[in-house]
Full PDB file with SEQRES, HELIX, SHEET, SSBOND, CRYST1, ORIGX, SCALE, CONECT and MASTER records, all heavy atoms in Angstrom:
SEQRES   1 A   41  GLU PRO HIS VAL GLU ILE ARG VAL GLY GLU ARG VAL MET          
SEQRES   2 A   41  ILE THR GLY GLU PRO GLY ALA GLY LYS THR LEU PHE PHE          
SEQRES   3 A   41  ARG ALA LEU ALA GLY LEU TRP PRO TRP GLY SER GLY ARG          
SEQRES   4 A   41  ILE GLY                                                      
HELIX    1 AA1 LYS A   22  ALA A   30  1                                   9    
CRYST1    1.000    1.000    1.000  90.00  90.00  90.00 P 1           1          
ORIGX1      1.000000  0.000000  0.000000        0.00000                         
ORIGX2      0.000000  1.000000  0.000000        0.00000                         
ORIGX3      0.000000  0.000000  1.000000        0.00000                         
SCALE1      1.000000  0.000000  0.000000        0.00000                         
SCALE2      0.000000  1.000000  0.000000        0.00000                         
SCALE3      0.000000  0.000000  1.000000        0.00000                         
ATOM      1  N   GLU A   1       1.203   6.787   7.927  1.00  0.00           N  
ATOM      2  CA  GLU A   1       0.237   7.884   7.794  1.00  0.00           C  
ATOM      3  C   GLU A   1      -1.138   7.296   7.479  1.00  0.00           C  
ATOM      4  O   GLU A   1      -1.276   6.531   6.524  1.00  0.00           O  
ATOM      5  CB  GLU A   1       0.660   8.831   6.677  1.00  0.00           C  
ATOM      6  CG  GLU A   1       2.050   9.424   6.862  1.00  0.00           C  
ATOM      7  CD  GLU A   1       2.456  10.291   5.677  1.00  0.00           C  
ATOM      8  OE1 GLU A   1       1.548  10.883   5.041  1.00  0.00           O  
ATOM      9  OE2 GLU A   1       3.652  10.359   5.382  1.00  0.00           O  
ATOM     10  N   PRO A   2      -2.172   7.651   8.229  1.00  0.00           N  
ATOM     11  CA  PRO A   2      -3.499   7.063   7.979  1.00  0.00           C  
ATOM     12  C   PRO A   2      -4.162   7.550   6.696  1.00  0.00           C  
ATOM     13  O   PRO A   2      -4.960   6.839   6.106  1.00  0.00           O  
ATOM     14  CB  PRO A   2      -4.308   7.482   9.213  1.00  0.00           C  
ATOM     15  CG  PRO A   2      -3.622   8.714   9.712  1.00  0.00           C  
ATOM     16  CD  PRO A   2      -2.165   8.537   9.403  1.00  0.00           C  
ATOM     17  N   HIS A   3      -3.844   8.755   6.259  1.00  0.00           N  
ATOM     18  CA  HIS A   3      -4.462   9.311   5.051  1.00  0.00           C  
ATOM     19  C   HIS A   3      -3.356   9.680   4.073  1.00  0.00           C  
ATOM     20  O   HIS A   3      -2.514  10.542   4.360  1.00  0.00           O  
ATOM     21  CB  HIS A   3      -5.307  10.544   5.385  1.00  0.00           C  
ATOM     22  CG  HIS A   3      -6.355  10.291   6.422  1.00  0.00           C  
ATOM     23  ND1 HIS A   3      -7.535   9.637   6.154  1.00  0.00           N  
ATOM     24  CD2 HIS A   3      -6.369  10.587   7.751  1.00  0.00           C  
ATOM     25  CE1 HIS A   3      -8.244   9.557   7.262  1.00  0.00           C  
ATOM     26  NE2 HIS A   3      -7.556  10.113   8.251  1.00  0.00           N  
ATOM     27  N   VAL A   4      -3.372   9.059   2.901  1.00  0.00           N  
ATOM     28  CA  VAL A   4      -2.335   9.286   1.902  1.00  0.00           C  
ATOM     29  C   VAL A   4      -2.992   9.548   0.553  1.00  0.00           C  
ATOM     30  O   VAL A   4      -3.927   8.837   0.156  1.00  0.00           O  
ATOM     31  CB  VAL A   4      -1.383   8.073   1.794  1.00  0.00           C  
ATOM     32  CG1 VAL A   4      -0.390   8.282   0.657  1.00  0.00           C  
ATOM     33  CG2 VAL A   4      -0.649   7.849   3.110  1.00  0.00           C  
ATOM     34  N   GLU A   5      -2.495  10.544  -0.155  1.00  0.00           N  
ATOM     35  CA  GLU A   5      -2.957  10.839  -1.510  1.00  0.00           C  
ATOM     36  C   GLU A   5      -1.744  10.964  -2.422  1.00  0.00           C  
ATOM     37  O   GLU A   5      -0.784  11.675  -2.112  1.00  0.00           O  
ATOM     38  CB  GLU A   5      -3.782  12.126  -1.551  1.00  0.00           C  
ATOM     39  CG  GLU A   5      -4.291  12.449  -2.954  1.00  0.00           C  
ATOM     40  CD  GLU A   5      -5.132  13.723  -2.991  1.00  0.00           C  
ATOM     41  OE1 GLU A   5      -5.166  14.442  -1.973  1.00  0.00           O  
ATOM     42  OE2 GLU A   5      -5.741  14.004  -4.052  1.00  0.00           O  
ATOM     43  N   ILE A   6      -1.770  10.270  -3.552  1.00  0.00           N  
ATOM     44  CA  ILE A   6      -0.681  10.305  -4.522  1.00  0.00           C  
ATOM     45  C   ILE A   6      -1.259  10.759  -5.860  1.00  0.00           C  
ATOM     46  O   ILE A   6      -2.244  10.189  -6.341  1.00  0.00           O  
ATOM     47  CB  ILE A   6      -0.012   8.925  -4.662  1.00  0.00           C  
ATOM     48  CG1 ILE A   6       0.540   8.480  -3.302  1.00  0.00           C  
ATOM     49  CG2 ILE A   6       1.101   8.962  -5.703  1.00  0.00           C  
ATOM     50  CD1 ILE A   6       1.056   7.059  -3.304  1.00  0.00           C  
ATOM     51  N   ARG A   7      -0.633  11.741  -6.454  1.00  0.00           N  
ATOM     52  CA  ARG A   7      -1.130  12.322  -7.700  1.00  0.00           C  
ATOM     53  C   ARG A   7      -0.383  11.754  -8.907  1.00  0.00           C  
ATOM     54  O   ARG A   7       0.703  11.179  -8.784  1.00  0.00           O  
ATOM     55  CB  ARG A   7      -0.938  13.844  -7.672  1.00  0.00           C  
ATOM     56  CG  ARG A   7      -1.793  14.556  -6.635  1.00  0.00           C  
ATOM     57  CD  ARG A   7      -3.195  14.722  -7.147  1.00  0.00           C  
ATOM     58  NE  ARG A   7      -4.074  15.382  -6.183  1.00  0.00           N  
ATOM     59  CZ  ARG A   7      -5.343  15.635  -6.425  1.00  0.00           C  
ATOM     60  NH1 ARG A   7      -5.880  15.273  -7.584  1.00  0.00           N  
ATOM     61  NH2 ARG A   7      -6.101  16.217  -5.514  1.00  0.00           N  
ATOM     62  N   VAL A   8      -0.982  11.927 -10.091  1.00  0.00           N  
ATOM     63  CA  VAL A   8      -0.345  11.499 -11.334  1.00  0.00           C  
ATOM     64  C   VAL A   8       0.995  12.212 -11.476  1.00  0.00           C  
ATOM     65  O   VAL A   8       1.096  13.426 -11.247  1.00  0.00           O  
ATOM     66  CB  VAL A   8      -1.241  11.810 -12.552  1.00  0.00           C  
ATOM     67  CG1 VAL A   8      -0.527  11.446 -13.844  1.00  0.00           C  
ATOM     68  CG2 VAL A   8      -2.547  11.063 -12.450  1.00  0.00           C  
ATOM     69  N   GLY A   9       2.037  11.461 -11.840  1.00  0.00           N  
ATOM     70  CA  GLY A   9       3.366  12.033 -12.039  1.00  0.00           C  
ATOM     71  C   GLY A   9       4.247  11.962 -10.814  1.00  0.00           C  
ATOM     72  O   GLY A   9       5.464  12.166 -10.926  1.00  0.00           O  
ATOM     73  N   GLU A  10       3.685  11.664  -9.645  1.00  0.00           N  
ATOM     74  CA  GLU A  10       4.508  11.557  -8.446  1.00  0.00           C  
ATOM     75  C   GLU A  10       5.299  10.258  -8.451  1.00  0.00           C  
ATOM     76  O   GLU A  10       4.871   9.246  -9.010  1.00  0.00           O  
ATOM     77  CB  GLU A  10       3.639  11.595  -7.179  1.00  0.00           C  
ATOM     78  CG  GLU A  10       3.139  12.962  -6.811  1.00  0.00           C  
ATOM     79  CD  GLU A  10       2.607  13.004  -5.385  1.00  0.00           C  
ATOM     80  OE1 GLU A  10       3.424  12.986  -4.453  1.00  0.00           O  
ATOM     81  OE2 GLU A  10       1.370  13.001  -5.221  1.00  0.00           O  
ATOM     82  N   ARG A  11       6.452  10.311  -7.794  1.00  0.00           N  
ATOM     83  CA  ARG A  11       7.281   9.119  -7.644  1.00  0.00           C  
ATOM     84  C   ARG A  11       7.526   8.922  -6.151  1.00  0.00           C  
ATOM     85  O   ARG A  11       8.122   9.785  -5.494  1.00  0.00           O  
ATOM     86  CB  ARG A  11       8.592   9.271  -8.408  1.00  0.00           C  
ATOM     87  CG  ARG A  11       8.357   9.332  -9.912  1.00  0.00           C  
ATOM     88  CD  ARG A  11       9.567   9.816 -10.639  1.00  0.00           C  
ATOM     89  NE  ARG A  11       9.282   9.986 -12.061  1.00  0.00           N  
ATOM     90  CZ  ARG A  11      10.077  10.638 -12.875  1.00  0.00           C  
ATOM     91  NH1 ARG A  11      11.194  11.193 -12.433  1.00  0.00           N  
ATOM     92  NH2 ARG A  11       9.762  10.758 -14.151  1.00  0.00           N  
ATOM     93  N   VAL A  12       7.059   7.770  -5.665  1.00  0.00           N  
ATOM     94  CA  VAL A  12       7.022   7.543  -4.221  1.00  0.00           C  
ATOM     95  C   VAL A  12       7.765   6.266  -3.882  1.00  0.00           C  
ATOM     96  O   VAL A  12       7.560   5.221  -4.510  1.00  0.00           O  
ATOM     97  CB  VAL A  12       5.564   7.452  -3.716  1.00  0.00           C  
ATOM     98  CG1 VAL A  12       5.540   7.281  -2.200  1.00  0.00           C  
ATOM     99  CG2 VAL A  12       4.780   8.681  -4.139  1.00  0.00           C  
ATOM    100  N   MET A  13       8.619   6.347  -2.855  1.00  0.00           N  
ATOM    101  CA  MET A  13       9.315   5.173  -2.330  1.00  0.00           C  
ATOM    102  C   MET A  13       8.600   4.728  -1.061  1.00  0.00           C  
ATOM    103  O   MET A  13       8.425   5.522  -0.134  1.00  0.00           O  
ATOM    104  CB  MET A  13      10.768   5.542  -2.018  1.00  0.00           C  
ATOM    105  CG  MET A  13      11.574   4.367  -1.538  1.00  0.00           C  
ATOM    106  SD  MET A  13      11.925   3.230  -2.883  1.00  0.00           S  
ATOM    107  CE  MET A  13      12.431   1.782  -1.942  1.00  0.00           C  
ATOM    108  N   ILE A  14       8.162   3.455  -1.043  1.00  0.00           N  
ATOM    109  CA  ILE A  14       7.475   2.909   0.128  1.00  0.00           C  
ATOM    110  C   ILE A  14       8.388   1.856   0.738  1.00  0.00           C  
ATOM    111  O   ILE A  14       8.704   0.849   0.098  1.00  0.00           O  
ATOM    112  CB  ILE A  14       6.114   2.299  -0.243  1.00  0.00           C  
ATOM    113  CG1 ILE A  14       5.238   3.346  -0.935  1.00  0.00           C  
ATOM    114  CG2 ILE A  14       5.413   1.752   0.989  1.00  0.00           C  
ATOM    115  CD1 ILE A  14       3.892   2.807  -1.405  1.00  0.00           C  
ATOM    116  N   THR A  15       8.844   2.073   1.964  1.00  0.00           N  
ATOM    117  CA  THR A  15       9.797   1.179   2.605  1.00  0.00           C  
ATOM    118  C   THR A  15       9.201   0.596   3.881  1.00  0.00           C  
ATOM    119  O   THR A  15       8.105   0.956   4.311  1.00  0.00           O  
ATOM    120  CB  THR A  15      11.099   1.924   2.939  1.00  0.00           C  
ATOM    121  OG1 THR A  15      10.801   2.977   3.876  1.00  0.00           O  
ATOM    122  CG2 THR A  15      11.716   2.525   1.689  1.00  0.00           C  
ATOM    123  N   GLY A  16       9.956  -0.315   4.477  1.00  0.00           N  
ATOM    124  CA  GLY A  16       9.541  -0.939   5.731  1.00  0.00           C  
ATOM    125  C   GLY A  16      10.593  -1.906   6.204  1.00  0.00           C  
ATOM    126  O   GLY A  16      11.428  -2.378   5.423  1.00  0.00           O  
ATOM    127  N   GLU A  17      10.556  -2.223   7.479  1.00  0.00           N  
ATOM    128  CA  GLU A  17      11.491  -3.186   8.030  1.00  0.00           C  
ATOM    129  C   GLU A  17      11.206  -4.583   7.470  1.00  0.00           C  
ATOM    130  O   GLU A  17      10.080  -4.873   7.037  1.00  0.00           O  
ATOM    131  CB  GLU A  17      11.373  -3.209   9.558  1.00  0.00           C  
ATOM    132  CG  GLU A  17      11.764  -1.915  10.242  1.00  0.00           C  
ATOM    133  CD  GLU A  17      13.236  -1.610  10.081  1.00  0.00           C  
ATOM    134  OE1 GLU A  17      14.030  -2.586  10.029  1.00  0.00           O  
ATOM    135  OE2 GLU A  17      13.599  -0.427   9.986  1.00  0.00           O  
ATOM    136  N   PRO A  18      12.197  -5.473   7.488  1.00  0.00           N  
ATOM    137  CA  PRO A  18      11.936  -6.861   7.074  1.00  0.00           C  
ATOM    138  C   PRO A  18      10.797  -7.469   7.905  1.00  0.00           C  
ATOM    139  O   PRO A  18      10.776  -7.343   9.130  1.00  0.00           O  
ATOM    140  CB  PRO A  18      13.266  -7.575   7.351  1.00  0.00           C  
ATOM    141  CG  PRO A  18      14.298  -6.495   7.262  1.00  0.00           C  
ATOM    142  CD  PRO A  18      13.634  -5.259   7.809  1.00  0.00           C  
ATOM    143  N   GLY A  19       9.855  -8.104   7.231  1.00  0.00           N  
ATOM    144  CA  GLY A  19       8.708  -8.690   7.911  1.00  0.00           C  
ATOM    145  C   GLY A  19       7.576  -7.727   8.163  1.00  0.00           C  
ATOM    146  O   GLY A  19       6.559  -8.089   8.770  1.00  0.00           O  
ATOM    147  N   ALA A  20       7.709  -6.483   7.686  1.00  0.00           N  
ATOM    148  CA  ALA A  20       6.644  -5.495   7.905  1.00  0.00           C  
ATOM    149  C   ALA A  20       5.414  -5.787   7.056  1.00  0.00           C  
ATOM    150  O   ALA A  20       4.312  -5.358   7.387  1.00  0.00           O  
ATOM    151  CB  ALA A  20       7.165  -4.086   7.627  1.00  0.00           C  
ATOM    152  N   GLY A  21       5.610  -6.512   5.939  1.00  0.00           N  
ATOM    153  CA  GLY A  21       4.468  -6.847   5.096  1.00  0.00           C  
ATOM    154  C   GLY A  21       4.434  -6.071   3.805  1.00  0.00           C  
ATOM    155  O   GLY A  21       3.354  -5.730   3.302  1.00  0.00           O  
ATOM    156  N   LYS A  22       5.614  -5.810   3.242  1.00  0.00           N  
ATOM    157  CA  LYS A  22       5.651  -5.009   2.009  1.00  0.00           C  
ATOM    158  C   LYS A  22       5.004  -5.734   0.833  1.00  0.00           C  
ATOM    159  O   LYS A  22       4.225  -5.142   0.079  1.00  0.00           O  
ATOM    160  CB  LYS A  22       7.112  -4.647   1.698  1.00  0.00           C  
ATOM    161  CG  LYS A  22       7.762  -3.738   2.740  1.00  0.00           C  
ATOM    162  CD  LYS A  22       9.137  -3.269   2.312  1.00  0.00           C  
ATOM    163  CE  LYS A  22      10.159  -4.387   2.329  1.00  0.00           C  
ATOM    164  NZ  LYS A  22      10.412  -4.915   3.694  1.00  0.00           N  
ATOM    165  N   THR A  23       5.333  -7.024   0.639  1.00  0.00           N  
ATOM    166  CA  THR A  23       4.723  -7.776  -0.464  1.00  0.00           C  
ATOM    167  C   THR A  23       3.232  -7.975  -0.221  1.00  0.00           C  
ATOM    168  O   THR A  23       2.424  -7.963  -1.157  1.00  0.00           O  
ATOM    169  CB  THR A  23       5.432  -9.122  -0.642  1.00  0.00           C  
ATOM    170  OG1 THR A  23       6.767  -8.892  -1.083  1.00  0.00           O  
ATOM    171  CG2 THR A  23       4.720  -9.992  -1.669  1.00  0.00           C  
ATOM    172  N   LEU A  24       2.843  -8.142   1.034  1.00  0.00           N  
ATOM    173  CA  LEU A  24       1.420  -8.255   1.369  1.00  0.00           C  
ATOM    174  C   LEU A  24       0.692  -6.965   0.995  1.00  0.00           C  
ATOM    175  O   LEU A  24      -0.423  -6.991   0.465  1.00  0.00           O  
ATOM    176  CB  LEU A  24       1.283  -8.549   2.869  1.00  0.00           C  
ATOM    177  CG  LEU A  24      -0.013  -9.201   3.330  1.00  0.00           C  
ATOM    178  CD1 LEU A  24      -0.181 -10.577   2.701  1.00  0.00           C  
ATOM    179  CD2 LEU A  24      -0.041  -9.315   4.852  1.00  0.00           C  
ATOM    180  N   PHE A  25       1.323  -5.832   1.258  1.00  0.00           N  
ATOM    181  CA  PHE A  25       0.752  -4.531   0.897  1.00  0.00           C  
ATOM    182  C   PHE A  25       0.628  -4.413  -0.624  1.00  0.00           C  
ATOM    183  O   PHE A  25      -0.391  -3.933  -1.145  1.00  0.00           O  
ATOM    184  CB  PHE A  25       1.658  -3.428   1.456  1.00  0.00           C  
ATOM    185  CG  PHE A  25       1.078  -2.055   1.353  1.00  0.00           C  
ATOM    186  CD1 PHE A  25       0.195  -1.571   2.308  1.00  0.00           C  
ATOM    187  CD2 PHE A  25       1.421  -1.223   0.303  1.00  0.00           C  
ATOM    188  CE1 PHE A  25      -0.339  -0.293   2.211  1.00  0.00           C  
ATOM    189  CE2 PHE A  25       0.897   0.053   0.187  1.00  0.00           C  
ATOM    190  CZ  PHE A  25       0.007   0.512   1.147  1.00  0.00           C  
ATOM    191  N   PHE A  26       1.656  -4.877  -1.344  1.00  0.00           N  
ATOM    192  CA  PHE A  26       1.629  -4.869  -2.808  1.00  0.00           C  
ATOM    193  C   PHE A  26       0.465  -5.714  -3.331  1.00  0.00           C  
ATOM    194  O   PHE A  26      -0.250  -5.305  -4.260  1.00  0.00           O  
ATOM    195  CB  PHE A  26       2.968  -5.410  -3.324  1.00  0.00           C  
ATOM    196  CG  PHE A  26       3.034  -5.612  -4.810  1.00  0.00           C  
ATOM    197  CD1 PHE A  26       3.254  -4.545  -5.672  1.00  0.00           C  
ATOM    198  CD2 PHE A  26       2.881  -6.878  -5.355  1.00  0.00           C  
ATOM    199  CE1 PHE A  26       3.328  -4.743  -7.049  1.00  0.00           C  
ATOM    200  CE2 PHE A  26       2.949  -7.085  -6.721  1.00  0.00           C  
ATOM    201  CZ  PHE A  26       3.169  -6.012  -7.570  1.00  0.00           C  
ATOM    202  N   ARG A  27       0.264  -6.881  -2.743  1.00  0.00           N  
ATOM    203  CA  ARG A  27      -0.832  -7.752  -3.175  1.00  0.00           C  
ATOM    204  C   ARG A  27      -2.189  -7.128  -2.891  1.00  0.00           C  
ATOM    205  O   ARG A  27      -3.141  -7.304  -3.651  1.00  0.00           O  
ATOM    206  CB  ARG A  27      -0.714  -9.108  -2.486  1.00  0.00           C  
ATOM    207  CG  ARG A  27       0.454  -9.927  -2.978  1.00  0.00           C  
ATOM    208  CD  ARG A  27       0.608 -11.196  -2.172  1.00  0.00           C  
ATOM    209  NE  ARG A  27       1.665 -12.041  -2.722  1.00  0.00           N  
ATOM    210  CZ  ARG A  27       2.094 -13.159  -2.165  1.00  0.00           C  
ATOM    211  NH1 ARG A  27       1.553 -13.574  -1.027  1.00  0.00           N  
ATOM    212  NH2 ARG A  27       3.053 -13.860  -2.726  1.00  0.00           N  
ATOM    213  N   ALA A  28      -2.279  -6.412  -1.785  1.00  0.00           N  
ATOM    214  CA  ALA A  28      -3.543  -5.730  -1.476  1.00  0.00           C  
ATOM    215  C   ALA A  28      -3.848  -4.669  -2.527  1.00  0.00           C  
ATOM    216  O   ALA A  28      -4.992  -4.528  -2.974  1.00  0.00           O  
ATOM    217  CB  ALA A  28      -3.468  -5.112  -0.084  1.00  0.00           C  
ATOM    218  N   LEU A  29      -2.840  -3.912  -2.948  1.00  0.00           N  
ATOM    219  CA  LEU A  29      -3.065  -2.893  -3.988  1.00  0.00           C  
ATOM    220  C   LEU A  29      -3.502  -3.546  -5.301  1.00  0.00           C  
ATOM    221  O   LEU A  29      -4.308  -2.970  -6.039  1.00  0.00           O  
ATOM    222  CB  LEU A  29      -1.776  -2.094  -4.215  1.00  0.00           C  
ATOM    223  CG  LEU A  29      -1.260  -1.249  -3.045  1.00  0.00           C  
ATOM    224  CD1 LEU A  29      -0.052  -0.434  -3.478  1.00  0.00           C  
ATOM    225  CD2 LEU A  29      -2.347  -0.330  -2.518  1.00  0.00           C  
ATOM    226  N   ALA A  30      -2.970  -4.748  -5.571  1.00  0.00           N  
ATOM    227  CA  ALA A  30      -3.313  -5.441  -6.820  1.00  0.00           C  
ATOM    228  C   ALA A  30      -4.661  -6.148  -6.741  1.00  0.00           C  
ATOM    229  O   ALA A  30      -5.132  -6.692  -7.745  1.00  0.00           O  
ATOM    230  CB  ALA A  30      -2.221  -6.448  -7.167  1.00  0.00           C  
ATOM    231  N   GLY A  31      -5.285  -6.175  -5.566  1.00  0.00           N  
ATOM    232  CA  GLY A  31      -6.574  -6.841  -5.409  1.00  0.00           C  
ATOM    233  C   GLY A  31      -6.468  -8.331  -5.154  1.00  0.00           C  
ATOM    234  O   GLY A  31      -7.484  -9.024  -5.111  1.00  0.00           O  
ATOM    235  N   LEU A  32      -5.232  -8.838  -4.973  1.00  0.00           N  
ATOM    236  CA  LEU A  32      -5.050 -10.268  -4.721  1.00  0.00           C  
ATOM    237  C   LEU A  32      -5.323 -10.620  -3.265  1.00  0.00           C  
ATOM    238  O   LEU A  32      -5.685 -11.759  -2.965  1.00  0.00           O  
ATOM    239  CB  LEU A  32      -3.627 -10.690  -5.086  1.00  0.00           C  
ATOM    240  CG  LEU A  32      -3.205 -10.513  -6.549  1.00  0.00           C  
ATOM    241  CD1 LEU A  32      -1.753 -10.922  -6.729  1.00  0.00           C  
ATOM    242  CD2 LEU A  32      -4.104 -11.333  -7.461  1.00  0.00           C  
ATOM    243  N   TRP A  33      -5.129  -9.674  -2.370  1.00  0.00           N  
ATOM    244  CA  TRP A  33      -5.282  -9.929  -0.931  1.00  0.00           C  
ATOM    245  C   TRP A  33      -6.337  -8.966  -0.393  1.00  0.00           C  
ATOM    246  O   TRP A  33      -6.045  -7.824  -0.074  1.00  0.00           O  
ATOM    247  CB  TRP A  33      -3.939  -9.717  -0.224  1.00  0.00           C  
ATOM    248  CG  TRP A  33      -3.907 -10.237   1.172  1.00  0.00           C  
ATOM    249  CD1 TRP A  33      -4.205  -9.568   2.317  1.00  0.00           C  
ATOM    250  CD2 TRP A  33      -3.554 -11.553   1.575  1.00  0.00           C  
ATOM    251  NE1 TRP A  33      -4.066 -10.368   3.403  1.00  0.00           N  
ATOM    252  CE2 TRP A  33      -3.655 -11.598   2.985  1.00  0.00           C  
ATOM    253  CE3 TRP A  33      -3.156 -12.696   0.888  1.00  0.00           C  
ATOM    254  CZ2 TRP A  33      -3.385 -12.754   3.715  1.00  0.00           C  
ATOM    255  CZ3 TRP A  33      -2.885 -13.834   1.613  1.00  0.00           C  
ATOM    256  CH2 TRP A  33      -2.990 -13.868   3.007  1.00  0.00           C  
ATOM    257  N   PRO A  34      -7.601  -9.400  -0.293  1.00  0.00           N  
ATOM    258  CA  PRO A  34      -8.682  -8.467   0.024  1.00  0.00           C  
ATOM    259  C   PRO A  34      -8.952  -8.270   1.515  1.00  0.00           C  
ATOM    260  O   PRO A  34      -9.791  -7.464   1.886  1.00  0.00           O  
ATOM    261  CB  PRO A  34      -9.894  -9.143  -0.634  1.00  0.00           C  
ATOM    262  CG  PRO A  34      -9.599 -10.603  -0.475  1.00  0.00           C  
ATOM    263  CD  PRO A  34      -8.104 -10.743  -0.615  1.00  0.00           C  
ATOM    264  N   TRP A  35      -8.261  -9.020   2.372  1.00  0.00           N  
ATOM    265  CA  TRP A  35      -8.624  -9.004   3.790  1.00  0.00           C  
ATOM    266  C   TRP A  35      -7.984  -7.840   4.518  1.00  0.00           C  
ATOM    267  O   TRP A  35      -6.797  -7.549   4.348  1.00  0.00           O  
ATOM    268  CB  TRP A  35      -8.213 -10.334   4.431  1.00  0.00           C  
ATOM    269  CG  TRP A  35      -8.869 -11.480   3.749  1.00  0.00           C  
ATOM    270  CD1 TRP A  35     -10.175 -11.867   3.860  1.00  0.00           C  
ATOM    271  CD2 TRP A  35      -8.267 -12.386   2.815  1.00  0.00           C  
ATOM    272  NE1 TRP A  35     -10.424 -12.950   3.054  1.00  0.00           N  
ATOM    273  CE2 TRP A  35      -9.268 -13.299   2.402  1.00  0.00           C  
ATOM    274  CE3 TRP A  35      -6.990 -12.530   2.278  1.00  0.00           C  
ATOM    275  CZ2 TRP A  35      -9.024 -14.319   1.496  1.00  0.00           C  
ATOM    276  CZ3 TRP A  35      -6.742 -13.535   1.369  1.00  0.00           C  
ATOM    277  CH2 TRP A  35      -7.760 -14.426   0.994  1.00  0.00           C  
ATOM    278  N   GLY A  36      -8.782  -7.196   5.342  1.00  0.00           N  
ATOM    279  CA  GLY A  36      -8.303  -6.065   6.116  1.00  0.00           C  
ATOM    280  C   GLY A  36      -9.403  -5.045   6.311  1.00  0.00           C  
ATOM    281  O   GLY A  36     -10.590  -5.383   6.365  1.00  0.00           O  
ATOM    282  N   SER A  37      -9.014  -3.785   6.409  1.00  0.00           N  
ATOM    283  CA  SER A  37      -9.993  -2.714   6.603  1.00  0.00           C  
ATOM    284  C   SER A  37      -9.458  -1.451   5.950  1.00  0.00           C  
ATOM    285  O   SER A  37      -8.313  -1.383   5.501  1.00  0.00           O  
ATOM    286  CB  SER A  37     -10.258  -2.488   8.099  1.00  0.00           C  
ATOM    287  OG  SER A  37      -9.059  -2.130   8.767  1.00  0.00           O  
ATOM    288  N   GLY A  38     -10.308  -0.435   5.911  1.00  0.00           N  
ATOM    289  CA  GLY A  38      -9.930   0.808   5.256  1.00  0.00           C  
ATOM    290  C   GLY A  38     -10.330   0.826   3.791  1.00  0.00           C  
ATOM    291  O   GLY A  38     -11.067  -0.046   3.310  1.00  0.00           O  
ATOM    292  N   ARG A  39      -9.815   1.810   3.075  1.00  0.00           N  
ATOM    293  CA  ARG A  39     -10.221   2.007   1.677  1.00  0.00           C  
ATOM    294  C   ARG A  39      -9.012   2.314   0.801  1.00  0.00           C  
ATOM    295  O   ARG A  39      -8.101   3.044   1.215  1.00  0.00           O  
ATOM    296  CB  ARG A  39     -11.228   3.150   1.560  1.00  0.00           C  
ATOM    297  CG  ARG A  39     -11.731   3.415   0.145  1.00  0.00           C  
ATOM    298  CD  ARG A  39     -12.685   4.602   0.117  1.00  0.00           C  
ATOM    299  NE  ARG A  39     -13.246   4.822  -1.219  1.00  0.00           N  
ATOM    300  CZ  ARG A  39     -12.648   5.529  -2.177  1.00  0.00           C  
ATOM    301  NH1 ARG A  39     -11.466   6.095  -1.944  1.00  0.00           N  
ATOM    302  NH2 ARG A  39     -13.228   5.686  -3.355  1.00  0.00           N  
ATOM    303  N   ILE A  40      -9.028   1.712  -0.400  1.00  0.00           N  
ATOM    304  CA  ILE A  40      -8.056   2.044  -1.441  1.00  0.00           C  
ATOM    305  C   ILE A  40      -8.817   2.714  -2.572  1.00  0.00           C  
ATOM    306  O   ILE A  40      -9.714   2.107  -3.159  1.00  0.00           O  
ATOM    307  CB  ILE A  40      -7.325   0.800  -1.964  1.00  0.00           C  
ATOM    308  CG1 ILE A  40      -6.528   0.120  -0.844  1.00  0.00           C  
ATOM    309  CG2 ILE A  40      -6.404   1.166  -3.126  1.00  0.00           C  
ATOM    310  CD1 ILE A  40      -5.863  -1.167  -1.274  1.00  0.00           C  
ATOM    311  N   GLY A  41      -8.460   3.964  -2.863  1.00  0.00           N  
ATOM    312  CA  GLY A  41      -9.088   4.681  -3.970  1.00  0.00           C  
ATOM    313  C   GLY A  41      -8.172   4.663  -5.172  1.00  0.00           C  
ATOM    314  O   GLY A  41      -7.075   5.251  -5.142  1.00  0.00           O  
TER     315      GLY A  41                                                      
MASTER        0    0    0    1    0    0    0    6  314    1    0    4          
END                                                                             
């Protein structure tokens, strides 16, 4: 989904196929991996 909003108190499961880049996505949220495009609010 290109536009996602998560509110306080929500519990969300984020999945993907092996090699999809789940840990890379986690690092991007943590600010460790800054390369790419789009916005994290």
